[in-house]
Amino acid sequence: MIFSTTETVPGREISEVLDIVTGNVVQSKHIGRDLMAGIKSIVGGEIRSYTEMLTEARNKAFQRLSDSARQKGADAVVGIRFTTSAIMDGSSEILVFGTAVKLKK
């Protein structure tokens, strides 16, 4: 499977647009991480526990997009974008979306 943030796959021609595919995760904060984040906000620097949490959530969302594309028989997903939004205080959604396509052989 080929994944691209561009609308095309270099050197390949799209033969069919299958569907929009998405993957999402709603992630909430963890009380232990929150305590450490509060301390870190006082002294400054990267809050690694949040970075790791968001990386895991992004990877899960991307895997769900990939699974959806495979179920539709796609060869590639083009135009991939990531977005986030707050769902409620203390939680957010990571959404990845793109267009599942078939490529000419």
PDB file of N, CA and C in Angstrom:
ATOM      1  N   MET A   1       0.858  -1.177   0.000  1.00  0.00           N
ATOM      2  CA  MET A   1       0.000   0.000   0.000  1.00  0.00           C
ATOM      3  C   MET A   1       0.901   1.236   0.000  1.00  0.00           C
ATOM      4  N   ILE A   2       0.556   2.184  -0.838  1.00  0.00           N
ATOM      5  CA  ILE A   2       1.293   3.447  -0.916  1.00  0.00           C
ATOM      6  C   ILE A   2       0.467   4.526  -0.231  1.00  0.00           C
ATOM      7  N   PHE A   3       1.133   5.329   0.576  1.00  0.00           N
ATOM      8  CA  PHE A   3       0.473   6.437   1.270  1.00  0.00           C
ATOM      9  C   PHE A   3       1.145   7.724   0.846  1.00  0.00           C
ATOM     10  N   SER A   4       0.332   8.747   0.538  1.00  0.00           N
ATOM     11  CA  SER A   4       0.893  10.005   0.052  1.00  0.00           C
ATOM     12  C   SER A   4       0.070  11.198   0.546  1.00  0.00           C
ATOM     13  N   THR A   5       0.779  12.243   0.920  1.00  0.00           N
ATOM     14  CA  THR A   5       0.081  13.478   1.276  1.00  0.00           C
ATOM     15  C   THR A   5      -0.230  14.305   0.031  1.00  0.00           C
ATOM     16  N   THR A   6       0.362  13.927  -1.105  1.00  0.00           N
ATOM     17  CA  THR A   6       0.066  14.612  -2.359  1.00  0.00           C
ATOM     18  C   THR A   6      -1.168  13.979  -2.996  1.00  0.00           C
ATOM     19  N   GLU A   7      -1.692  14.614  -4.020  1.00  0.00           N
ATOM     20  CA  GLU A   7      -2.908  14.124  -4.671  1.00  0.00           C
ATOM     21  C   GLU A   7      -2.627  13.039  -5.706  1.00  0.00           C
ATOM     22  N   THR A   8      -1.358  12.749  -5.947  1.00  0.00           N
ATOM     23  CA  THR A   8      -0.968  11.738  -6.922  1.00  0.00           C
ATOM     24  C   THR A   8       0.146  10.877  -6.334  1.00  0.00           C
ATOM     25  N   VAL A   9       0.451   9.796  -7.042  1.00  0.00           N
ATOM     26  CA  VAL A   9       1.596   8.961  -6.698  1.00  0.00           C
ATOM     27  C   VAL A   9       2.595   9.136  -7.841  1.00  0.00           C
ATOM     28  N   PRO A  10       3.749   9.731  -7.569  1.00  0.00           N
ATOM     29  CA  PRO A  10       4.714   9.978  -8.640  1.00  0.00           C
ATOM     30  C   PRO A  10       5.040   8.703  -9.432  1.00  0.00           C
ATOM     31  N   GLY A  11       4.958   8.825 -10.749  1.00  0.00           N
ATOM     32  CA  GLY A  11       5.277   7.710 -11.628  1.00  0.00           C
ATOM     33  C   GLY A  11       4.162   6.694 -11.790  1.00  0.00           C
ATOM     34  N   ARG A  12       3.030   6.921 -11.160  1.00  0.00           N
ATOM     35  CA  ARG A  12       1.898   5.997 -11.254  1.00  0.00           C
ATOM     36  C   ARG A  12       0.651   6.780 -11.642  1.00  0.00           C
ATOM     37  N   GLU A  13      -0.254   6.101 -12.304  1.00  0.00           N
ATOM     38  CA  GLU A  13      -1.505   6.735 -12.707  1.00  0.00           C
ATOM     39  C   GLU A  13      -2.662   6.134 -11.921  1.00  0.00           C
ATOM     40  N   ILE A  14      -3.551   6.976 -11.438  1.00  0.00           N
ATOM     41  CA  ILE A  14      -4.728   6.526 -10.706  1.00  0.00           C
ATOM     42  C   ILE A  14      -5.764   6.060 -11.722  1.00  0.00           C
ATOM     43  N   SER A  15      -6.227   4.817 -11.565  1.00  0.00           N
ATOM     44  CA  SER A  15      -7.226   4.288 -12.493  1.00  0.00           C
ATOM     45  C   SER A  15      -8.647   4.400 -11.941  1.00  0.00           C
ATOM     46  N   GLU A  16      -8.755   4.457 -10.598  1.00  0.00           N
ATOM     47  CA  GLU A  16     -10.093   4.506 -10.007  1.00  0.00           C
ATOM     48  C   GLU A  16     -10.024   5.123  -8.609  1.00  0.00           C
ATOM     49  N   VAL A  17     -10.953   6.016  -8.334  1.00  0.00           N
ATOM     50  CA  VAL A  17     -11.112   6.558  -6.979  1.00  0.00           C
ATOM     51  C   VAL A  17     -12.152   5.685  -6.295  1.00  0.00           C
ATOM     52  N   LEU A  18     -11.778   5.098  -5.168  1.00  0.00           N
ATOM     53  CA  LEU A  18     -12.673   4.170  -4.478  1.00  0.00           C
ATOM     54  C   LEU A  18     -13.577   4.859  -3.470  1.00  0.00           C
ATOM     55  N   ASP A  19     -12.980   5.615  -2.547  1.00  0.00           N
ATOM     56  CA  ASP A  19     -13.782   6.210  -1.481  1.00  0.00           C
ATOM     57  C   ASP A  19     -12.883   7.042  -0.578  1.00  0.00           C
ATOM     58  N   ILE A  20     -13.496   7.846   0.237  1.00  0.00           N
ATOM     59  CA  ILE A  20     -12.781   8.532   1.314  1.00  0.00           C
ATOM     60  C   ILE A  20     -12.573   7.505   2.423  1.00  0.00           C
ATOM     61  N   VAL A  21     -11.374   7.485   2.992  1.00  0.00           N
ATOM     62  CA  VAL A  21     -11.095   6.599   4.118  1.00  0.00           C
ATOM     63  C   VAL A  21     -10.635   7.439   5.303  1.00  0.00           C
ATOM     64  N   THR A  22     -10.983   6.974   6.489  1.00  0.00           N
ATOM     65  CA  THR A  22     -10.633   7.715   7.702  1.00  0.00           C
ATOM     66  C   THR A  22     -10.151   6.761   8.779  1.00  0.00           C
ATOM     67  N   GLY A  23      -9.496   7.330   9.748  1.00  0.00           N
ATOM     68  CA  GLY A  23      -9.137   6.622  10.974  1.00  0.00           C
ATOM     69  C   GLY A  23      -9.121   7.658  12.076  1.00  0.00           C
ATOM     70  N   ASN A  24      -9.656   7.320  13.233  1.00  0.00           N
ATOM     71  CA  ASN A  24      -9.652   8.305  14.306  1.00  0.00           C
ATOM     72  C   ASN A  24      -9.470   7.641  15.666  1.00  0.00           C
ATOM     73  N   VAL A  25      -9.013   8.438  16.614  1.00  0.00           N
ATOM     74  CA  VAL A  25      -8.839   8.015  18.001  1.00  0.00           C
ATOM     75  C   VAL A  25      -9.219   9.195  18.875  1.00  0.00           C
ATOM     76  N   VAL A  26      -9.996   8.931  19.911  1.00  0.00           N
ATOM     77  CA  VAL A  26     -10.261   9.943  20.927  1.00  0.00           C
ATOM     78  C   VAL A  26      -9.414   9.566  22.125  1.00  0.00           C
ATOM     79  N   GLN A  27      -8.549  10.467  22.518  1.00  0.00           N
ATOM     80  CA  GLN A  27      -7.576  10.211  23.586  1.00  0.00           C
ATOM     81  C   GLN A  27      -7.844  11.147  24.752  1.00  0.00           C
ATOM     82  N   SER A  28      -7.835  10.586  25.942  1.00  0.00           N
ATOM     83  CA  SER A  28      -7.999  11.430  27.124  1.00  0.00           C
ATOM     84  C   SER A  28      -6.691  11.475  27.897  1.00  0.00           C
ATOM     85  N   LYS A  29      -6.563  12.491  28.721  1.00  0.00           N
ATOM     86  CA  LYS A  29      -5.370  12.633  29.546  1.00  0.00           C
ATOM     87  C   LYS A  29      -5.384  11.600  30.669  1.00  0.00           C
ATOM     88  N   HIS A  30      -4.221  11.262  31.118  1.00  0.00           N
ATOM     89  CA  HIS A  30      -4.037  10.318  32.225  1.00  0.00           C
ATOM     90  C   HIS A  30      -3.602  11.120  33.442  1.00  0.00           C
ATOM     91  N   ILE A  31      -4.180  10.859  34.595  1.00  0.00           N
ATOM     92  CA  ILE A  31      -3.918  11.664  35.789  1.00  0.00           C
ATOM     93  C   ILE A  31      -2.429  11.696  36.140  1.00  0.00           C
ATOM     94  N   GLY A  32      -1.744  10.570  36.005  1.00  0.00           N
ATOM     95  CA  GLY A  32      -0.300  10.540  36.289  1.00  0.00           C
ATOM     96  C   GLY A  32       0.473  11.428  35.335  1.00  0.00           C
ATOM     97  N   ARG A  33       0.096  11.383  34.051  1.00  0.00           N
ATOM     98  CA  ARG A  33       0.751  12.234  33.058  1.00  0.00           C
ATOM     99  C   ARG A  33       0.444  13.696  33.328  1.00  0.00           C
ATOM    100  N   ASP A  34      -0.792  13.952  33.772  1.00  0.00           N
ATOM    101  CA  ASP A  34      -1.192  15.325  34.074  1.00  0.00           C
ATOM    102  C   ASP A  34      -0.358  15.931  35.197  1.00  0.00           C
ATOM    103  N   LEU A  35      -0.093  15.149  36.228  1.00  0.00           N
ATOM    104  CA  LEU A  35       0.722  15.645  37.342  1.00  0.00           C
ATOM    105  C   LEU A  35       2.126  16.000  36.869  1.00  0.00           C
ATOM    106  N   MET A  36       2.717  15.106  36.078  1.00  0.00           N
ATOM    107  CA  MET A  36       4.065  15.369  35.561  1.00  0.00           C
ATOM    108  C   MET A  36       4.063  16.553  34.596  1.00  0.00           C
ATOM    109  N   ALA A  37       3.014  16.680  33.808  1.00  0.00           N
ATOM    110  CA  ALA A  37       2.909  17.801  32.873  1.00  0.00           C
ATOM    111  C   ALA A  37       2.825  19.118  33.627  1.00  0.00           C
ATOM    112  N   GLY A  38       2.088  19.123  34.740  1.00  0.00           N
ATOM    113  CA  GLY A  38       1.976  20.333  35.551  1.00  0.00           C
ATOM    114  C   GLY A  38       3.329  20.760  36.097  1.00  0.00           C
ATOM    115  N   ILE A  39       4.095  19.797  36.557  1.00  0.00           N
ATOM    116  CA  ILE A  39       5.449  20.099  37.057  1.00  0.00           C
ATOM    117  C   ILE A  39       6.321  20.598  35.913  1.00  0.00           C
ATOM    118  N   LYS A  40       6.245  19.930  34.768  1.00  0.00           N
ATOM    119  CA  LYS A  40       7.064  20.301  33.609  1.00  0.00           C
ATOM    120  C   LYS A  40       6.704  21.702  33.107  1.00  0.00           C
ATOM    121  N   SER A  41       5.430  22.083  33.226  1.00  0.00           N
ATOM    122  CA  SER A  41       5.032  23.411  32.750  1.00  0.00           C
ATOM    123  C   SER A  41       5.658  24.513  33.598  1.00  0.00           C
ATOM    124  N   ILE A  42       6.014  24.190  34.825  1.00  0.00           N
ATOM    125  CA  ILE A  42       6.656  25.172  35.693  1.00  0.00           C
ATOM    126  C   ILE A  42       8.125  25.354  35.306  1.00  0.00           C
ATOM    127  N   VAL A  43       8.799  24.230  35.041  1.00  0.00           N
ATOM    128  CA  VAL A  43      10.235  24.295  34.751  1.00  0.00           C
ATOM    129  C   VAL A  43      10.537  24.406  33.257  1.00  0.00           C
ATOM    130  N   GLY A  44       9.553  24.129  32.417  1.00  0.00           N
ATOM    131  CA  GLY A  44       9.731  24.245  30.971  1.00  0.00           C
ATOM    132  C   GLY A  44      10.261  22.967  30.347  1.00  0.00           C
ATOM    133  N   GLY A  45      10.192  22.899  29.040  1.00  0.00           N
ATOM    134  CA  GLY A  45      10.695  21.745  28.299  1.00  0.00           C
ATOM    135  C   GLY A  45       9.582  20.899  27.722  1.00  0.00           C
ATOM    136  N   GLU A  46      10.009  19.891  26.979  1.00  0.00           N
ATOM    137  CA  GLU A  46       9.060  18.981  26.336  1.00  0.00           C
ATOM    138  C   GLU A  46       8.384  18.094  27.377  1.00  0.00           C
ATOM    139  N   ILE A  47       7.106  17.862  27.193  1.00  0.00           N
ATOM    140  CA  ILE A  47       6.358  16.956  28.052  1.00  0.00           C
ATOM    141  C   ILE A  47       6.313  15.617  27.307  1.00  0.00           C
ATOM    142  N   ARG A  48       7.339  14.806  27.537  1.00  0.00           N
ATOM    143  CA  ARG A  48       7.521  13.576  26.764  1.00  0.00           C
ATOM    144  C   ARG A  48       6.355  12.605  26.894  1.00  0.00           C
ATOM    145  N   SER A  49       5.736  12.538  28.058  1.00  0.00           N
ATOM    146  CA  SER A  49       4.623  11.594  28.225  1.00  0.00           C
ATOM    147  C   SER A  49       3.464  11.965  27.299  1.00  0.00           C
ATOM    148  N   TYR A  50       3.220  13.252  27.098  1.00  0.00           N
ATOM    149  CA  TYR A  50       2.169  13.675  26.169  1.00  0.00           C
ATOM    150  C   TYR A  50       2.596  13.440  24.724  1.00  0.00           C
ATOM    151  N   THR A  51       3.859  13.679  24.434  1.00  0.00           N
ATOM    152  CA  THR A  51       4.364  13.417  23.088  1.00  0.00           C
ATOM    153  C   THR A  51       4.174  11.945  22.741  1.00  0.00           C
ATOM    154  N   GLU A  52       4.545  11.065  23.664  1.00  0.00           N
ATOM    155  CA  GLU A  52       4.386   9.626  23.444  1.00  0.00           C
ATOM    156  C   GLU A  52       2.919   9.253  23.301  1.00  0.00           C
ATOM    157  N   MET A  53       2.051   9.819  24.137  1.00  0.00           N
ATOM    158  CA  MET A  53       0.624   9.530  24.085  1.00  0.00           C
ATOM    159  C   MET A  53       0.048   9.932  22.724  1.00  0.00           C
ATOM    160  N   LEU A  54       0.405  11.107  22.243  1.00  0.00           N
ATOM    161  CA  LEU A  54      -0.124  11.572  20.962  1.00  0.00           C
ATOM    162  C   LEU A  54       0.464  10.792  19.787  1.00  0.00           C
ATOM    163  N   THR A  55       1.716  10.373  19.900  1.00  0.00           N
ATOM    164  CA  THR A  55       2.323   9.548  18.861  1.00  0.00           C
ATOM    165  C   THR A  55       1.585   8.213  18.763  1.00  0.00           C
ATOM    166  N   GLU A  56       1.292   7.603  19.899  1.00  0.00           N
ATOM    167  CA  GLU A  56       0.526   6.346  19.914  1.00  0.00           C
ATOM    168  C   GLU A  56      -0.855   6.548  19.296  1.00  0.00           C
ATOM    169  N   ALA A  57      -1.526   7.611  19.661  1.00  0.00           N
ATOM    170  CA  ALA A  57      -2.861   7.885  19.132  1.00  0.00           C
ATOM    171  C   ALA A  57      -2.809   8.117  17.621  1.00  0.00           C
ATOM    172  N   ARG A  58      -1.817   8.868  17.164  1.00  0.00           N
ATOM    173  CA  ARG A  58      -1.674   9.120  15.724  1.00  0.00           C
ATOM    174  C   ARG A  58      -1.420   7.814  14.976  1.00  0.00           C
ATOM    175  N   ASN A  59      -0.574   6.950  15.535  1.00  0.00           N
ATOM    176  CA  ASN A  59      -0.287   5.667  14.895  1.00  0.00           C
ATOM    177  C   ASN A  59      -1.529   4.778  14.827  1.00  0.00           C
ATOM    178  N   LYS A  60      -2.332   4.769  15.888  1.00  0.00           N
ATOM    179  CA  LYS A  60      -3.582   3.996  15.883  1.00  0.00           C
ATOM    180  C   LYS A  60      -4.535   4.522  14.812  1.00  0.00           C
ATOM    181  N   ALA A  61      -4.678   5.840  14.739  1.00  0.00           N
ATOM    182  CA  ALA A  61      -5.569   6.442  13.742  1.00  0.00           C
ATOM    183  C   ALA A  61      -5.097   6.095  12.332  1.00  0.00           C
ATOM    184  N   PHE A  62      -3.779   6.152  12.105  1.00  0.00           N
ATOM    185  CA  PHE A  62      -3.231   5.844  10.780  1.00  0.00           C
ATOM    186  C   PHE A  62      -3.461   4.371  10.445  1.00  0.00           C
ATOM    187  N   GLN A  63      -3.294   3.487  11.417  1.00  0.00           N
ATOM    188  CA  GLN A  63      -3.527   2.060  11.190  1.00  0.00           C
ATOM    189  C   GLN A  63      -4.990   1.817  10.820  1.00  0.00           C
ATOM    190  N   ARG A  64      -5.897   2.530  11.447  1.00  0.00           N
ATOM    191  CA  ARG A  64      -7.322   2.392  11.123  1.00  0.00           C
ATOM    192  C   ARG A  64      -7.616   2.877   9.707  1.00  0.00           C
ATOM    193  N   LEU A  65      -6.975   3.958   9.285  1.00  0.00           N
ATOM    194  CA  LEU A  65      -7.106   4.432   7.904  1.00  0.00           C
ATOM    195  C   LEU A  65      -6.598   3.356   6.947  1.00  0.00           C
ATOM    196  N   SER A  66      -5.439   2.800   7.246  1.00  0.00           N
ATOM    197  CA  SER A  66      -4.839   1.763   6.410  1.00  0.00           C
ATOM    198  C   SER A  66      -5.747   0.542   6.309  1.00  0.00           C
ATOM    199  N   ASP A  67      -6.300   0.099   7.441  1.00  0.00           N
ATOM    200  CA  ASP A  67      -7.212  -1.046   7.439  1.00  0.00           C
ATOM    201  C   ASP A  67      -8.446  -0.763   6.582  1.00  0.00           C
ATOM    202  N   SER A  68      -8.983   0.426   6.691  1.00  0.00           N
ATOM    203  CA  SER A  68     -10.157   0.811   5.907  1.00  0.00           C
ATOM    204  C   SER A  68      -9.845   0.782   4.409  1.00  0.00           C
ATOM    205  N   ALA A  69      -8.676   1.288   4.037  1.00  0.00           N
ATOM    206  CA  ALA A  69      -8.275   1.299   2.624  1.00  0.00           C
ATOM    207  C   ALA A  69      -8.107  -0.121   2.094  1.00  0.00           C
ATOM    208  N   ARG A  70      -7.507  -0.992   2.893  1.00  0.00           N
ATOM    209  CA  ARG A  70      -7.326  -2.386   2.482  1.00  0.00           C
ATOM    210  C   ARG A  70      -8.678  -3.081   2.281  1.00  0.00           C
ATOM    211  N   GLN A  71      -9.611  -2.816   3.173  1.00  0.00           N
ATOM    212  CA  GLN A  71     -10.943  -3.417   3.055  1.00  0.00           C
ATOM    213  C   GLN A  71     -11.638  -2.995   1.768  1.00  0.00           C
ATOM    214  N   LYS A  72     -11.306  -1.825   1.257  1.00  0.00           N
ATOM    215  CA  LYS A  72     -11.913  -1.325   0.024  1.00  0.00           C
ATOM    216  C   LYS A  72     -11.129  -1.768  -1.215  1.00  0.00           C
ATOM    217  N   GLY A  73     -10.022  -2.486  -1.001  1.00  0.00           N
ATOM    218  CA  GLY A  73      -9.225  -2.973  -2.124  1.00  0.00           C
ATOM    219  C   GLY A  73      -8.301  -1.936  -2.732  1.00  0.00           C
ATOM    220  N   ALA A  74      -7.923  -0.939  -1.978  1.00  0.00           N
ATOM    221  CA  ALA A  74      -7.085   0.149  -2.490  1.00  0.00           C
ATOM    222  C   ALA A  74      -5.629  -0.289  -2.677  1.00  0.00           C
ATOM    223  N   ASP A  75      -4.985   0.335  -3.646  1.00  0.00           N
ATOM    224  CA  ASP A  75      -3.538   0.188  -3.844  1.00  0.00           C
ATOM    225  C   ASP A  75      -2.790   1.316  -3.151  1.00  0.00           C
ATOM    226  N   ALA A  76      -3.497   2.439  -2.940  1.00  0.00           N
ATOM    227  CA  ALA A  76      -2.855   3.624  -2.366  1.00  0.00           C
ATOM    228  C   ALA A  76      -3.912   4.496  -1.696  1.00  0.00           C
ATOM    229  N   VAL A  77      -3.425   5.374  -0.827  1.00  0.00           N
ATOM    230  CA  VAL A  77      -4.263   6.429  -0.250  1.00  0.00           C
ATOM    231  C   VAL A  77      -3.547   7.734  -0.522  1.00  0.00           C
ATOM    232  N   VAL A  78      -4.224   8.649  -1.195  1.00  0.00           N
ATOM    233  CA  VAL A  78      -3.624   9.938  -1.549  1.00  0.00           C
ATOM    234  C   VAL A  78      -4.327  11.063  -0.791  1.00  0.00           C
ATOM    235  N   GLY A  79      -3.664  12.200  -0.737  1.00  0.00           N
ATOM    236  CA  GLY A  79      -4.240  13.377  -0.097  1.00  0.00           C
ATOM    237  C   GLY A  79      -4.412  13.218   1.405  1.00  0.00           C
ATOM    238  N   ILE A  80      -3.525  12.473   2.037  1.00  0.00           N
ATOM    239  CA  ILE A  80      -3.660  12.208   3.471  1.00  0.00           C
ATOM    240  C   ILE A  80      -3.454  13.486   4.278  1.00  0.00           C
ATOM    241  N   ARG A  81      -4.347  13.685   5.242  1.00  0.00           N
ATOM    242  CA  ARG A  81      -4.273  14.833   6.152  1.00  0.00           C
ATOM    243  C   ARG A  81      -4.573  14.360   7.565  1.00  0.00           C
ATOM    244  N   PHE A  82      -3.960  15.026   8.531  1.00  0.00           N
ATOM    245  CA  PHE A  82      -4.234  14.789   9.947  1.00  0.00           C
ATOM    246  C   PHE A  82      -4.881  16.039  10.521  1.00  0.00           C
ATOM    247  N   THR A  83      -5.800  15.853  11.437  1.00  0.00           N
ATOM    248  CA  THR A  83      -6.405  16.980  12.130  1.00  0.00           C
ATOM    249  C   THR A  83      -6.707  16.569  13.569  1.00  0.00           C
ATOM    250  N   THR A  84      -6.792  17.546  14.429  1.00  0.00           N
ATOM    251  CA  THR A  84      -7.154  17.286  15.826  1.00  0.00           C
ATOM    252  C   THR A  84      -8.262  18.233  16.234  1.00  0.00           C
ATOM    253  N   SER A  85      -9.029  17.799  17.218  1.00  0.00           N
ATOM    254  CA  SER A  85     -10.061  18.670  17.765  1.00  0.00           C
ATOM    255  C   SER A  85     -10.311  18.274  19.214  1.00  0.00           C
ATOM    256  N   ALA A  86     -10.724  19.240  20.000  1.00  0.00           N
ATOM    257  CA  ALA A  86     -11.069  18.976  21.396  1.00  0.00           C
ATOM    258  C   ALA A  86     -12.482  18.409  21.439  1.00  0.00           C
ATOM    259  N   ILE A  87     -12.654  17.319  22.148  1.00  0.00           N
ATOM    260  CA  ILE A  87     -13.969  16.703  22.289  1.00  0.00           C
ATOM    261  C   ILE A  87     -14.645  17.242  23.543  1.00  0.00           C
ATOM    262  N   MET A  88     -13.896  17.242  24.630  1.00  0.00           N
ATOM    263  CA  MET A  88     -14.340  17.810  25.903  1.00  0.00           C
ATOM    264  C   MET A  88     -13.082  18.132  26.687  1.00  0.00           C
ATOM    265  N   ASP A  89     -13.222  18.758  27.809  1.00  0.00           N
ATOM    266  CA  ASP A  89     -12.062  19.114  28.607  1.00  0.00           C
ATOM    267  C   ASP A  89     -11.281  17.857  28.959  1.00  0.00           C
ATOM    268  N   GLY A  90     -10.021  17.822  28.578  1.00  0.00           N
ATOM    269  CA  GLY A  90      -9.173  16.683  28.918  1.00  0.00           C
ATOM    270  C   GLY A  90      -9.098  15.594  27.874  1.00  0.00           C
ATOM    271  N   SER A  91      -9.800  15.744  26.754  1.00  0.00           N
ATOM    272  CA  SER A  91      -9.688  14.733  25.698  1.00  0.00           C
ATOM    273  C   SER A  91      -9.743  15.394  24.328  1.00  0.00           C
ATOM    274  N   SER A  92      -9.117  14.730  23.371  1.00  0.00           N
ATOM    275  CA  SER A  92      -9.104  15.248  22.011  1.00  0.00           C
ATOM    276  C   SER A  92      -9.167  14.100  21.017  1.00  0.00           C
ATOM    277  N   GLU A  93      -9.549  14.431  19.801  1.00  0.00           N
ATOM    278  CA  GLU A  93      -9.628  13.451  18.726  1.00  0.00           C
ATOM    279  C   GLU A  93      -8.504  13.708  17.743  1.00  0.00           C
ATOM    280  N   ILE A  94      -7.882  12.644  17.296  1.00  0.00           N
ATOM    281  CA  ILE A  94      -6.947  12.716  16.180  1.00  0.00           C
ATOM    282  C   ILE A  94      -7.628  11.995  15.028  1.00  0.00           C
ATOM    283  N   LEU A  95      -7.775  12.686  13.911  1.00  0.00           N
ATOM    284  CA  LEU A  95      -8.434  12.135  12.729  1.00  0.00           C
ATOM    285  C   LEU A  95      -7.454  12.199  11.565  1.00  0.00           C
ATOM    286  N   VAL A  96      -7.357  11.097  10.837  1.00  0.00           N
ATOM    287  CA  VAL A  96      -6.570  11.068   9.605  1.00  0.00           C
ATOM    288  C   VAL A  96      -7.530  10.665   8.489  1.00  0.00           C
ATOM    289  N   PHE A  97      -7.402  11.322   7.339  1.00  0.00           N
ATOM    290  CA  PHE A  97      -8.300  11.001   6.230  1.00  0.00           C
ATOM    291  C   PHE A  97      -7.569  11.154   4.910  1.00  0.00           C
ATOM    292  N   GLY A  98      -8.077  10.475   3.908  1.00  0.00           N
ATOM    293  CA  GLY A  98      -7.496  10.535   2.573  1.00  0.00           C
ATOM    294  C   GLY A  98      -8.429   9.868   1.589  1.00  0.00           C
ATOM    295  N   THR A  99      -7.966   9.726   0.359  1.00  0.00           N
ATOM    296  CA  THR A  99      -8.756   9.112  -0.703  1.00  0.00           C
ATOM    297  C   THR A  99      -8.133   7.786  -1.102  1.00  0.00           C
ATOM    298  N   ALA A 100      -8.902   6.713  -0.976  1.00  0.00           N
ATOM    299  CA  ALA A 100      -8.449   5.386  -1.383  1.00  0.00           C
ATOM    300  C   ALA A 100      -8.574   5.275  -2.902  1.00  0.00           C
ATOM    301  N   VAL A 101      -7.505   4.812  -3.539  1.00  0.00           N
ATOM    302  CA  VAL A 101      -7.500   4.722  -5.000  1.00  0.00           C
ATOM    303  C   VAL A 101      -6.906   3.395  -5.464  1.00  0.00           C
ATOM    304  N   LYS A 102      -7.246   3.041  -6.710  1.00  0.00           N
ATOM    305  CA  LYS A 102      -6.605   1.926  -7.424  1.00  0.00           C
ATOM    306  C   LYS A 102      -5.631   2.558  -8.399  1.00  0.00           C
ATOM    307  N   LEU A 103      -4.487   1.918  -8.567  1.00  0.00           N
ATOM    308  CA  LEU A 103      -3.471   2.398  -9.491  1.00  0.00           C
ATOM    309  C   LEU A 103      -3.437   1.515 -10.739  1.00  0.00           C
ATOM    310  N   LYS A 104      -3.121   2.123 -11.878  1.00  0.00           N
ATOM    311  CA  LYS A 104      -2.931   1.334 -13.094  1.00  0.00           C
ATOM    312  C   LYS A 104      -1.710   0.453 -12.917  1.00  0.00           C
ATOM    313  N   LYS A 105      -1.809  -0.758 -13.408  1.00  0.00           N
ATOM    314  CA  LYS A 105      -0.697  -1.731 -13.283  1.00  0.00           C
ATOM    315  C   LYS A 105       0.452  -1.396 -14.181  1.00  0.00           C
TER     316      LYS A 105
END
